[in-house]
Each structure stands twice: as structure tokens, then as C-alpha cells.
Amino acid sequence: MSSGALALWKRTSSMSKGRDRTVYRRDDGQWANKRNDASRPGSLHRTQADALSAAHKHLVNQGGGELITKGVNGKIRSKDTIAPGNDPYPPKDREH
């Protein structure tokens, strides 16, 4: 595989993950809504609920993806696929 083809393959094979977003609490106490392939958060919020709402809105506008929510302790609390994300084996939704 040539280096150009390899670079193209790397970009296209990880495209869907770039749209995914994570909501987490920063050291200063604010809640961040960050796209996973970004270096900085897209927005900062006072509450986790506000950050989740903003992340959900961004994902809907982007065409779907995975929304990962981390708790105050930094551990993943929940994952949710926002339509039209492609989840081949979607579990029964017990959170909503």
C-alpha cells in the first residue's frame, strides 16, 4: 500500500469516531462538551445537564454519533448512540 493510500485509509477508517462527543467535568468544576477528535472543548457549561443538551444538539446537527457521559469521578457513566449513528447491535435502552 502506498503512503498516500495508507493516509487516505487512516482518514476514512476513523471518520465516524471523529463525530463522537464526550461530556466530562474539568478541574475548574465546569462541564465540557468536547468532540473526541478536538484538542479543546466545543463548549463549557455550569451543569452536566446543560453540557449533555449541547452535546446532543451538536450530534444531531452533525448527522449522529456516540455521546459518552463521564461522571464527577471521571469514569464513563453512560454511552448513547444519537441517530442516525450506525449501531449494528443496539442494546435495549434502559436509561431513557
PDB file of N, CA and C in Angstrom:
ATOM      1  N   MET A   1       0.861  -1.176   0.000  1.00  0.00           N
ATOM      2  CA  MET A   1       0.000   0.000   0.000  1.00  0.00           C
ATOM      3  C   MET A   1       0.902   1.233   0.000  1.00  0.00           C
ATOM      4  N   SER A   2       0.647   2.150  -0.898  1.00  0.00           N
ATOM      5  CA  SER A   2       1.457   3.362  -0.965  1.00  0.00           C
ATOM      6  C   SER A   2       1.164   4.263   0.238  1.00  0.00           C
ATOM      7  N   SER A   3       2.068   5.202   0.492  1.00  0.00           N
ATOM      8  CA  SER A   3       1.878   6.084   1.644  1.00  0.00           C
ATOM      9  C   SER A   3       0.638   6.964   1.480  1.00  0.00           C
ATOM     10  N   GLY A   4       0.334   7.396   0.251  1.00  0.00           N
ATOM     11  CA  GLY A   4      -0.878   8.192   0.012  1.00  0.00           C
ATOM     12  C   GLY A   4      -2.141   7.393   0.266  1.00  0.00           C
ATOM     13  N   ALA A   5      -2.140   6.143  -0.184  1.00  0.00           N
ATOM     14  CA  ALA A   5      -3.306   5.276   0.031  1.00  0.00           C
ATOM     15  C   ALA A   5      -3.470   4.957   1.512  1.00  0.00           C
ATOM     16  N   LEU A   6      -2.338   4.762   2.196  1.00  0.00           N
ATOM     17  CA  LEU A   6      -2.398   4.481   3.631  1.00  0.00           C
ATOM     18  C   LEU A   6      -2.967   5.673   4.396  1.00  0.00           C
ATOM     19  N   ALA A   7      -2.538   6.875   4.037  1.00  0.00           N
ATOM     20  CA  ALA A   7      -3.051   8.082   4.698  1.00  0.00           C
ATOM     21  C   ALA A   7      -4.546   8.235   4.456  1.00  0.00           C
ATOM     22  N   LEU A   8      -4.997   7.967   3.236  1.00  0.00           N
ATOM     23  CA  LEU A   8      -6.424   8.045   2.917  1.00  0.00           C
ATOM     24  C   LEU A   8      -7.196   7.005   3.714  1.00  0.00           C
ATOM     25  N   TRP A   9      -6.660   5.786   3.814  1.00  0.00           N
ATOM     26  CA  TRP A   9      -7.335   4.733   4.562  1.00  0.00           C
ATOM     27  C   TRP A   9      -7.467   5.115   6.023  1.00  0.00           C
ATOM     28  N   LYS A  10      -6.405   5.680   6.619  1.00  0.00           N
ATOM     29  CA  LYS A  10      -6.461   6.082   8.020  1.00  0.00           C
ATOM     30  C   LYS A  10      -7.512   7.152   8.247  1.00  0.00           C
ATOM     31  N   ARG A  11      -7.612   8.119   7.331  1.00  0.00           N
ATOM     32  CA  ARG A  11      -8.606   9.190   7.480  1.00  0.00           C
ATOM     33  C   ARG A  11     -10.026   8.656   7.360  1.00  0.00           C
ATOM     34  N   THR A  12     -10.275   7.790   6.386  1.00  0.00           N
ATOM     35  CA  THR A  12     -11.638   7.309   6.162  1.00  0.00           C
ATOM     36  C   THR A  12     -12.047   6.229   7.147  1.00  0.00           C
ATOM     37  N   SER A  13     -11.089   5.454   7.672  1.00  0.00           N
ATOM     38  CA  SER A  13     -11.469   4.380   8.591  1.00  0.00           C
ATOM     39  C   SER A  13     -11.861   4.909   9.962  1.00  0.00           C
ATOM     40  N   SER A  14     -11.448   6.097  10.319  1.00  0.00           N
ATOM     41  CA  SER A  14     -11.773   6.621  11.645  1.00  0.00           C
ATOM     42  C   SER A  14     -12.702   7.829  11.581  1.00  0.00           C
ATOM     43  N   MET A  15     -13.363   8.042  10.461  1.00  0.00           N
ATOM     44  CA  MET A  15     -14.213   9.223  10.313  1.00  0.00           C
ATOM     45  C   MET A  15     -15.379   9.230  11.290  1.00  0.00           C
ATOM     46  N   SER A  16     -16.044   8.107  11.486  1.00  0.00           N
ATOM     47  CA  SER A  16     -17.221   8.118  12.352  1.00  0.00           C
ATOM     48  C   SER A  16     -16.859   8.441  13.797  1.00  0.00           C
ATOM     49  N   LYS A  17     -15.683   8.040  14.248  1.00  0.00           N
ATOM     50  CA  LYS A  17     -15.285   8.307  15.618  1.00  0.00           C
ATOM     51  C   LYS A  17     -15.028   9.790  15.854  1.00  0.00           C
ATOM     52  N   GLY A  18     -14.682  10.530  14.822  1.00  0.00           N
ATOM     53  CA  GLY A  18     -14.422  11.950  14.965  1.00  0.00           C
ATOM     54  C   GLY A  18     -15.648  12.743  15.365  1.00  0.00           C
ATOM     55  N   ARG A  19     -16.821  12.237  15.021  1.00  0.00           N
ATOM     56  CA  ARG A  19     -18.044  12.953  15.366  1.00  0.00           C
ATOM     57  C   ARG A  19     -18.495  12.693  16.791  1.00  0.00           C
ATOM     58  N   ASP A  20     -17.974  11.662  17.410  1.00  0.00           N
ATOM     59  CA  ASP A  20     -18.394  11.321  18.763  1.00  0.00           C
ATOM     60  C   ASP A  20     -18.037  12.439  19.732  1.00  0.00           C
ATOM     61  N   ARG A  21     -18.826  12.569  20.786  1.00  0.00           N
ATOM     62  CA  ARG A  21     -18.606  13.631  21.771  1.00  0.00           C
ATOM     63  C   ARG A  21     -18.582  13.050  23.168  1.00  0.00           C
ATOM     64  N   THR A  22     -17.815  13.712  24.030  1.00  0.00           N
ATOM     65  CA  THR A  22     -17.707  13.314  25.429  1.00  0.00           C
ATOM     66  C   THR A  22     -18.036  14.512  26.308  1.00  0.00           C
ATOM     67  N   VAL A  23     -18.844  14.275  27.332  1.00  0.00           N
ATOM     68  CA  VAL A  23     -19.157  15.294  28.332  1.00  0.00           C
ATOM     69  C   VAL A  23     -18.451  14.873  29.615  1.00  0.00           C
ATOM     70  N   TYR A  24     -17.621  15.768  30.146  1.00  0.00           N
ATOM     71  CA  TYR A  24     -16.851  15.456  31.355  1.00  0.00           C
ATOM     72  C   TYR A  24     -16.667  16.714  32.197  1.00  0.00           C
ATOM     73  N   ARG A  25     -16.313  16.502  33.461  1.00  0.00           N
ATOM     74  CA  ARG A  25     -16.089  17.619  34.381  1.00  0.00           C
ATOM     75  C   ARG A  25     -14.616  18.000  34.393  1.00  0.00           C
ATOM     76  N   ARG A  26     -14.357  19.268  34.222  1.00  0.00           N
ATOM     77  CA  ARG A  26     -12.982  19.766  34.233  1.00  0.00           C
ATOM     78  C   ARG A  26     -12.520  20.029  35.661  1.00  0.00           C
ATOM     79  N   ASP A  27     -11.232  20.274  35.821  1.00  0.00           N
ATOM     80  CA  ASP A  27     -10.666  20.540  37.152  1.00  0.00           C
ATOM     81  C   ASP A  27     -11.233  21.809  37.778  1.00  0.00           C
ATOM     82  N   ASP A  28     -11.658  22.770  36.937  1.00  0.00           N
ATOM     83  CA  ASP A  28     -12.206  24.020  37.476  1.00  0.00           C
ATOM     84  C   ASP A  28     -13.692  23.917  37.828  1.00  0.00           C
ATOM     85  N   GLY A  29     -14.279  22.716  37.675  1.00  0.00           N
ATOM     86  CA  GLY A  29     -15.672  22.489  38.054  1.00  0.00           C
ATOM     87  C   GLY A  29     -16.670  22.666  36.933  1.00  0.00           C
ATOM     88  N   GLN A  30     -16.259  23.179  35.794  1.00  0.00           N
ATOM     89  CA  GLN A  30     -17.168  23.348  34.662  1.00  0.00           C
ATOM     90  C   GLN A  30     -17.285  22.029  33.906  1.00  0.00           C
ATOM     91  N   TRP A  31     -18.418  21.882  33.236  1.00  0.00           N
ATOM     92  CA  TRP A  31     -18.669  20.689  32.427  1.00  0.00           C
ATOM     93  C   TRP A  31     -18.342  21.002  30.976  1.00  0.00           C
ATOM     94  N   ALA A  32     -17.540  20.142  30.357  1.00  0.00           N
ATOM     95  CA  ALA A  32     -17.083  20.356  28.984  1.00  0.00           C
ATOM     96  C   ALA A  32     -17.834  19.441  28.027  1.00  0.00           C
ATOM     97  N   ASN A  33     -18.143  19.978  26.859  1.00  0.00           N
ATOM     98  CA  ASN A  33     -18.730  19.243  25.750  1.00  0.00           C
ATOM     99  C   ASN A  33     -17.653  19.235  24.675  1.00  0.00           C
ATOM    100  N   LYS A  34     -16.986  18.078  24.485  1.00  0.00           N
ATOM    101  CA  LYS A  34     -15.825  18.024  23.602  1.00  0.00           C
ATOM    102  C   LYS A  34     -15.996  16.974  22.529  1.00  0.00           C
ATOM    103  N   ARG A  35     -15.729  17.368  21.299  1.00  0.00           N
ATOM    104  CA  ARG A  35     -15.678  16.417  20.198  1.00  0.00           C
ATOM    105  C   ARG A  35     -14.405  15.587  20.383  1.00  0.00           C
ATOM    106  N   ASN A  36     -14.482  14.272  20.197  1.00  0.00           N
ATOM    107  CA  ASN A  36     -13.368  13.398  20.553  1.00  0.00           C
ATOM    108  C   ASN A  36     -12.101  13.652  19.748  1.00  0.00           C
ATOM    109  N   ASP A  37     -12.209  14.171  18.545  1.00  0.00           N
ATOM    110  CA  ASP A  37     -11.005  14.423  17.753  1.00  0.00           C
ATOM    111  C   ASP A  37     -10.502  15.858  17.899  1.00  0.00           C
ATOM    112  N   ALA A  38     -11.079  16.634  18.799  1.00  0.00           N
ATOM    113  CA  ALA A  38     -10.684  18.026  19.005  1.00  0.00           C
ATOM    114  C   ALA A  38      -9.696  18.130  20.164  1.00  0.00           C
ATOM    115  N   SER A  39      -8.912  19.191  20.142  1.00  0.00           N
ATOM    116  CA  SER A  39      -7.965  19.390  21.233  1.00  0.00           C
ATOM    117  C   SER A  39      -8.577  20.191  22.380  1.00  0.00           C
ATOM    118  N   ARG A  40      -9.628  20.979  22.080  1.00  0.00           N
ATOM    119  CA  ARG A  40     -10.277  21.796  23.110  1.00  0.00           C
ATOM    120  C   ARG A  40     -11.778  21.510  23.115  1.00  0.00           C
ATOM    121  N   PRO A  41     -12.442  21.754  24.245  1.00  0.00           N
ATOM    122  CA  PRO A  41     -13.894  21.567  24.301  1.00  0.00           C
ATOM    123  C   PRO A  41     -14.621  22.537  23.368  1.00  0.00           C
ATOM    124  N   GLY A  42     -15.734  22.084  22.827  1.00  0.00           N
ATOM    125  CA  GLY A  42     -16.554  22.941  21.981  1.00  0.00           C
ATOM    126  C   GLY A  42     -17.341  23.951  22.784  1.00  0.00           C
ATOM    127  N   SER A  43     -17.699  23.580  24.016  1.00  0.00           N
ATOM    128  CA  SER A  43     -18.428  24.500  24.886  1.00  0.00           C
ATOM    129  C   SER A  43     -18.250  24.087  26.338  1.00  0.00           C
ATOM    130  N   LEU A  44     -18.413  25.063  27.228  1.00  0.00           N
ATOM    131  CA  LEU A  44     -18.318  24.840  28.673  1.00  0.00           C
ATOM    132  C   LEU A  44     -19.638  25.231  29.322  1.00  0.00           C
ATOM    133  N   HIS A  45     -20.031  24.491  30.366  1.00  0.00           N
ATOM    134  CA  HIS A  45     -21.338  24.696  30.989  1.00  0.00           C
ATOM    135  C   HIS A  45     -21.233  24.583  32.500  1.00  0.00           C
ATOM    136  N   ARG A  46     -22.185  25.198  33.191  1.00  0.00           N
ATOM    137  CA  ARG A  46     -22.222  25.127  34.656  1.00  0.00           C
ATOM    138  C   ARG A  46     -22.697  23.777  35.156  1.00  0.00           C
ATOM    139  N   THR A  47     -23.633  23.152  34.419  1.00  0.00           N
ATOM    140  CA  THR A  47     -24.193  21.876  34.861  1.00  0.00           C
ATOM    141  C   THR A  47     -23.963  20.799  33.821  1.00  0.00           C
ATOM    142  N   GLN A  48     -23.977  19.560  34.286  1.00  0.00           N
ATOM    143  CA  GLN A  48     -23.827  18.428  33.387  1.00  0.00           C
ATOM    144  C   GLN A  48     -25.009  18.346  32.426  1.00  0.00           C
ATOM    145  N   ALA A  49     -26.197  18.656  32.913  1.00  0.00           N
ATOM    146  CA  ALA A  49     -27.396  18.599  32.070  1.00  0.00           C
ATOM    147  C   ALA A  49     -27.291  19.576  30.897  1.00  0.00           C
ATOM    148  N   ASP A  50     -26.779  20.780  31.158  1.00  0.00           N
ATOM    149  CA  ASP A  50     -26.606  21.748  30.075  1.00  0.00           C
ATOM    150  C   ASP A  50     -25.586  21.256  29.050  1.00  0.00           C
ATOM    151  N   ALA A  51     -24.498  20.661  29.526  1.00  0.00           N
ATOM    152  CA  ALA A  51     -23.469  20.144  28.628  1.00  0.00           C
ATOM    153  C   ALA A  51     -24.011  18.979  27.792  1.00  0.00           C
ATOM    154  N   LEU A  52     -24.805  18.104  28.411  1.00  0.00           N
ATOM    155  CA  LEU A  52     -25.405  16.986  27.676  1.00  0.00           C
ATOM    156  C   LEU A  52     -26.370  17.476  26.606  1.00  0.00           C
ATOM    157  N   SER A  53     -27.149  18.480  26.947  1.00  0.00           N
ATOM    158  CA  SER A  53     -28.089  19.048  25.973  1.00  0.00           C
ATOM    159  C   SER A  53     -27.351  19.631  24.770  1.00  0.00           C
ATOM    160  N   ALA A  54     -26.285  20.365  25.031  1.00  0.00           N
ATOM    161  CA  ALA A  54     -25.499  20.955  23.946  1.00  0.00           C
ATOM    162  C   ALA A  54     -24.830  19.876  23.098  1.00  0.00           C
ATOM    163  N   ALA A  55     -24.280  18.840  23.735  1.00  0.00           N
ATOM    164  CA  ALA A  55     -23.625  17.753  23.002  1.00  0.00           C
ATOM    165  C   ALA A  55     -24.636  17.011  22.128  1.00  0.00           C
ATOM    166  N   HIS A  56     -25.823  16.771  22.673  1.00  0.00           N
ATOM    167  CA  HIS A  56     -26.867  16.087  21.911  1.00  0.00           C
ATOM    168  C   HIS A  56     -27.257  16.911  20.686  1.00  0.00           C
ATOM    169  N   LYS A  57     -27.414  18.209  20.879  1.00  0.00           N
ATOM    170  CA  LYS A  57     -27.783  19.096  19.775  1.00  0.00           C
ATOM    171  C   LYS A  57     -26.698  19.092  18.689  1.00  0.00           C
ATOM    172  N   HIS A  58     -25.422  19.138  19.104  1.00  0.00           N
ATOM    173  CA  HIS A  58     -24.321  19.100  18.142  1.00  0.00           C
ATOM    174  C   HIS A  58     -24.332  17.795  17.345  1.00  0.00           C
ATOM    175  N   LEU A  59     -24.540  16.671  18.033  1.00  0.00           N
ATOM    176  CA  LEU A  59     -24.537  15.378  17.350  1.00  0.00           C
ATOM    177  C   LEU A  59     -25.679  15.260  16.349  1.00  0.00           C
ATOM    178  N   VAL A  60     -26.850  15.747  16.714  1.00  0.00           N
ATOM    179  CA  VAL A  60     -27.984  15.708  15.785  1.00  0.00           C
ATOM    180  C   VAL A  60     -27.658  16.532  14.539  1.00  0.00           C
ATOM    181  N   ASN A  61     -27.077  17.718  14.743  1.00  0.00           N
ATOM    182  CA  ASN A  61     -26.725  18.583  13.616  1.00  0.00           C
ATOM    183  C   ASN A  61     -25.612  18.002  12.756  1.00  0.00           C
ATOM    184  N   GLN A  62     -24.715  17.214  13.350  1.00  0.00           N
ATOM    185  CA  GLN A  62     -23.599  16.612  12.620  1.00  0.00           C
ATOM    186  C   GLN A  62     -23.989  15.340  11.886  1.00  0.00           C
ATOM    187  N   GLY A  63     -25.156  14.813  12.155  1.00  0.00           N
ATOM    188  CA  GLY A  63     -25.563  13.586  11.497  1.00  0.00           C
ATOM    189  C   GLY A  63     -25.434  12.355  12.364  1.00  0.00           C
ATOM    190  N   GLY A  64     -25.358  12.532  13.667  1.00  0.00           N
ATOM    191  CA  GLY A  64     -25.347  11.403  14.588  1.00  0.00           C
ATOM    192  C   GLY A  64     -23.961  11.046  15.071  1.00  0.00           C
ATOM    193  N   GLY A  65     -23.919  10.146  16.029  1.00  0.00           N
ATOM    194  CA  GLY A  65     -22.659   9.683  16.611  1.00  0.00           C
ATOM    195  C   GLY A  65     -22.884   9.174  18.014  1.00  0.00           C
ATOM    196  N   GLU A  66     -21.803   8.934  18.716  1.00  0.00           N
ATOM    197  CA  GLU A  66     -21.850   8.396  20.069  1.00  0.00           C
ATOM    198  C   GLU A  66     -21.675   9.526  21.082  1.00  0.00           C
ATOM    199  N   LEU A  67     -22.524   9.544  22.104  1.00  0.00           N
ATOM    200  CA  LEU A  67     -22.427  10.521  23.187  1.00  0.00           C
ATOM    201  C   LEU A  67     -21.975   9.779  24.439  1.00  0.00           C
ATOM    202  N   ILE A  68     -20.783  10.124  24.929  1.00  0.00           N
ATOM    203  CA  ILE A  68     -20.199   9.482  26.096  1.00  0.00           C
ATOM    204  C   ILE A  68     -20.284  10.466  27.263  1.00  0.00           C
ATOM    205  N   THR A  69     -20.857  10.019  28.370  1.00  0.00           N
ATOM    206  CA  THR A  69     -21.000  10.862  29.551  1.00  0.00           C
ATOM    207  C   THR A  69     -20.128  10.304  30.669  1.00  0.00           C
ATOM    208  N   LYS A  70     -19.275  11.166  31.216  1.00  0.00           N
ATOM    209  CA  LYS A  70     -18.439  10.771  32.351  1.00  0.00           C
ATOM    210  C   LYS A  70     -18.986  11.426  33.609  1.00  0.00           C
ATOM    211  N   GLY A  71     -18.895  10.725  34.720  1.00  0.00           N
ATOM    212  CA  GLY A  71     -19.365  11.250  35.991  1.00  0.00           C
ATOM    213  C   GLY A  71     -18.334  12.161  36.629  1.00  0.00           C
ATOM    214  N   VAL A  72     -18.629  12.617  37.836  1.00  0.00           N
ATOM    215  CA  VAL A  72     -17.738  13.507  38.569  1.00  0.00           C
ATOM    216  C   VAL A  72     -16.386  12.831  38.810  1.00  0.00           C
ATOM    217  N   ASN A  73     -16.384  11.506  38.971  1.00  0.00           N
ATOM    218  CA  ASN A  73     -15.147  10.761  39.233  1.00  0.00           C
ATOM    219  C   ASN A  73     -14.329  10.490  37.973  1.00  0.00           C
ATOM    220  N   GLY A  74     -14.837  10.874  36.796  1.00  0.00           N
ATOM    221  CA  GLY A  74     -14.116  10.688  35.540  1.00  0.00           C
ATOM    222  C   GLY A  74     -14.369   9.368  34.845  1.00  0.00           C
ATOM    223  N   LYS A  75     -15.133   8.481  35.473  1.00  0.00           N
ATOM    224  CA  LYS A  75     -15.445   7.192  34.854  1.00  0.00           C
ATOM    225  C   LYS A  75     -16.653   7.332  33.935  1.00  0.00           C
ATOM    226  N   ILE A  76     -16.679   6.521  32.887  1.00  0.00           N
ATOM    227  CA  ILE A  76     -17.798   6.555  31.951  1.00  0.00           C
ATOM    228  C   ILE A  76     -19.065   6.134  32.674  1.00  0.00           C
ATOM    229  N   ARG A  77     -20.060   7.004  32.607  1.00  0.00           N
ATOM    230  CA  ARG A  77     -21.341   6.755  33.257  1.00  0.00           C
ATOM    231  C   ARG A  77     -22.341   6.172  32.289  1.00  0.00           C
ATOM    232  N   SER A  78     -22.326   6.677  31.038  1.00  0.00           N
ATOM    233  CA  SER A  78     -23.249   6.146  30.038  1.00  0.00           C
ATOM    234  C   SER A  78     -22.736   6.448  28.645  1.00  0.00           C
ATOM    235  N   LYS A  79     -23.217   5.636  27.698  1.00  0.00           N
ATOM    236  CA  LYS A  79     -22.955   5.845  26.279  1.00  0.00           C
ATOM    237  C   LYS A  79     -24.296   5.784  25.579  1.00  0.00           C
ATOM    238  N   ASP A  80     -24.477   6.666  24.624  1.00  0.00           N
ATOM    239  CA  ASP A  80     -25.747   6.708  23.909  1.00  0.00           C
ATOM    240  C   ASP A  80     -25.478   7.002  22.448  1.00  0.00           C
ATOM    241  N   THR A  81     -26.062   6.207  21.559  1.00  0.00           N
ATOM    242  CA  THR A  81     -25.939   6.447  20.126  1.00  0.00           C
ATOM    243  C   THR A  81     -27.049   7.395  19.709  1.00  0.00           C
ATOM    244  N   ILE A  82     -26.651   8.506  19.105  1.00  0.00           N
ATOM    245  CA  ILE A  82     -27.601   9.500  18.634  1.00  0.00           C
ATOM    246  C   ILE A  82     -27.820   9.260  17.149  1.00  0.00           C
ATOM    247  N   ALA A  83     -29.063   9.122  16.731  1.00  0.00           N
ATOM    248  CA  ALA A  83     -29.396   8.852  15.335  1.00  0.00           C
ATOM    249  C   ALA A  83     -28.857   9.949  14.443  1.00  0.00           C
ATOM    250  N   PRO A  84     -28.479   9.662  13.236  1.00  0.00           N
ATOM    251  CA  PRO A  84     -28.501   8.375  12.562  1.00  0.00           C
ATOM    252  C   PRO A  84     -27.222   7.579  12.721  1.00  0.00           C
ATOM    253  N   GLY A  85     -26.641   7.545  13.896  1.00  0.00           N
ATOM    254  CA  GLY A  85     -25.458   6.720  14.144  1.00  0.00           C
ATOM    255  C   GLY A  85     -25.753   5.270  13.814  1.00  0.00           C
ATOM    256  N   ASN A  86     -24.743   4.533  13.372  1.00  0.00           N
ATOM    257  CA  ASN A  86     -24.935   3.159  12.941  1.00  0.00           C
ATOM    258  C   ASN A  86     -24.439   2.217  14.031  1.00  0.00           C
ATOM    259  N   ASP A  87     -25.354   1.714  14.830  1.00  0.00           N
ATOM    260  CA  ASP A  87     -25.036   0.744  15.868  1.00  0.00           C
ATOM    261  C   ASP A  87     -25.607  -0.593  15.415  1.00  0.00           C
ATOM    262  N   PRO A  88     -24.768  -1.530  14.929  1.00  0.00           N
ATOM    263  CA  PRO A  88     -25.289  -2.764  14.349  1.00  0.00           C
ATOM    264  C   PRO A  88     -26.035  -3.664  15.334  1.00  0.00           C
ATOM    265  N   TYR A  89     -25.688  -3.595  16.619  1.00  0.00           N
ATOM    266  CA  TYR A  89     -26.369  -4.409  17.626  1.00  0.00           C
ATOM    267  C   TYR A  89     -26.789  -3.514  18.782  1.00  0.00           C
ATOM    268  N   PRO A  90     -27.811  -2.686  18.574  1.00  0.00           N
ATOM    269  CA  PRO A  90     -28.180  -1.750  19.627  1.00  0.00           C
ATOM    270  C   PRO A  90     -28.774  -2.464  20.832  1.00  0.00           C
ATOM    271  N   PRO A  91     -28.285  -2.152  22.028  1.00  0.00           N
ATOM    272  CA  PRO A  91     -28.850  -2.769  23.226  1.00  0.00           C
ATOM    273  C   PRO A  91     -30.190  -2.119  23.565  1.00  0.00           C
ATOM    274  N   LYS A  92     -30.963  -2.821  24.391  1.00  0.00           N
ATOM    275  CA  LYS A  92     -32.208  -2.219  24.860  1.00  0.00           C
ATOM    276  C   LYS A  92     -31.856  -1.019  25.718  1.00  0.00           C
ATOM    277  N   ASP A  93     -32.516   0.085  25.462  1.00  0.00           N
ATOM    278  CA  ASP A  93     -32.228   1.322  26.177  1.00  0.00           C
ATOM    279  C   ASP A  93     -32.894   1.286  27.536  1.00  0.00           C
ATOM    280  N   ARG A  94     -32.100   1.206  28.596  1.00  0.00           N
ATOM    281  CA  ARG A  94     -32.632   1.142  29.952  1.00  0.00           C
ATOM    282  C   ARG A  94     -32.463   2.457  30.692  1.00  0.00           C
ATOM    283  N   GLU A  95     -31.898   3.469  29.997  1.00  0.00           N
ATOM    284  CA  GLU A  95     -31.648   4.762  30.644  1.00  0.00           C
ATOM    285  C   GLU A  95     -32.722   5.787  30.372  1.00  0.00           C
ATOM    286  N   HIS A  96     -33.375   5.702  29.250  1.00  0.00           N
ATOM    287  CA  HIS A  96     -34.291   6.767  28.830  1.00  0.00           C
ATOM    288  C   HIS A  96     -35.710   6.305  28.818  1.00  0.00           C
TER     289      HIS A  96
END
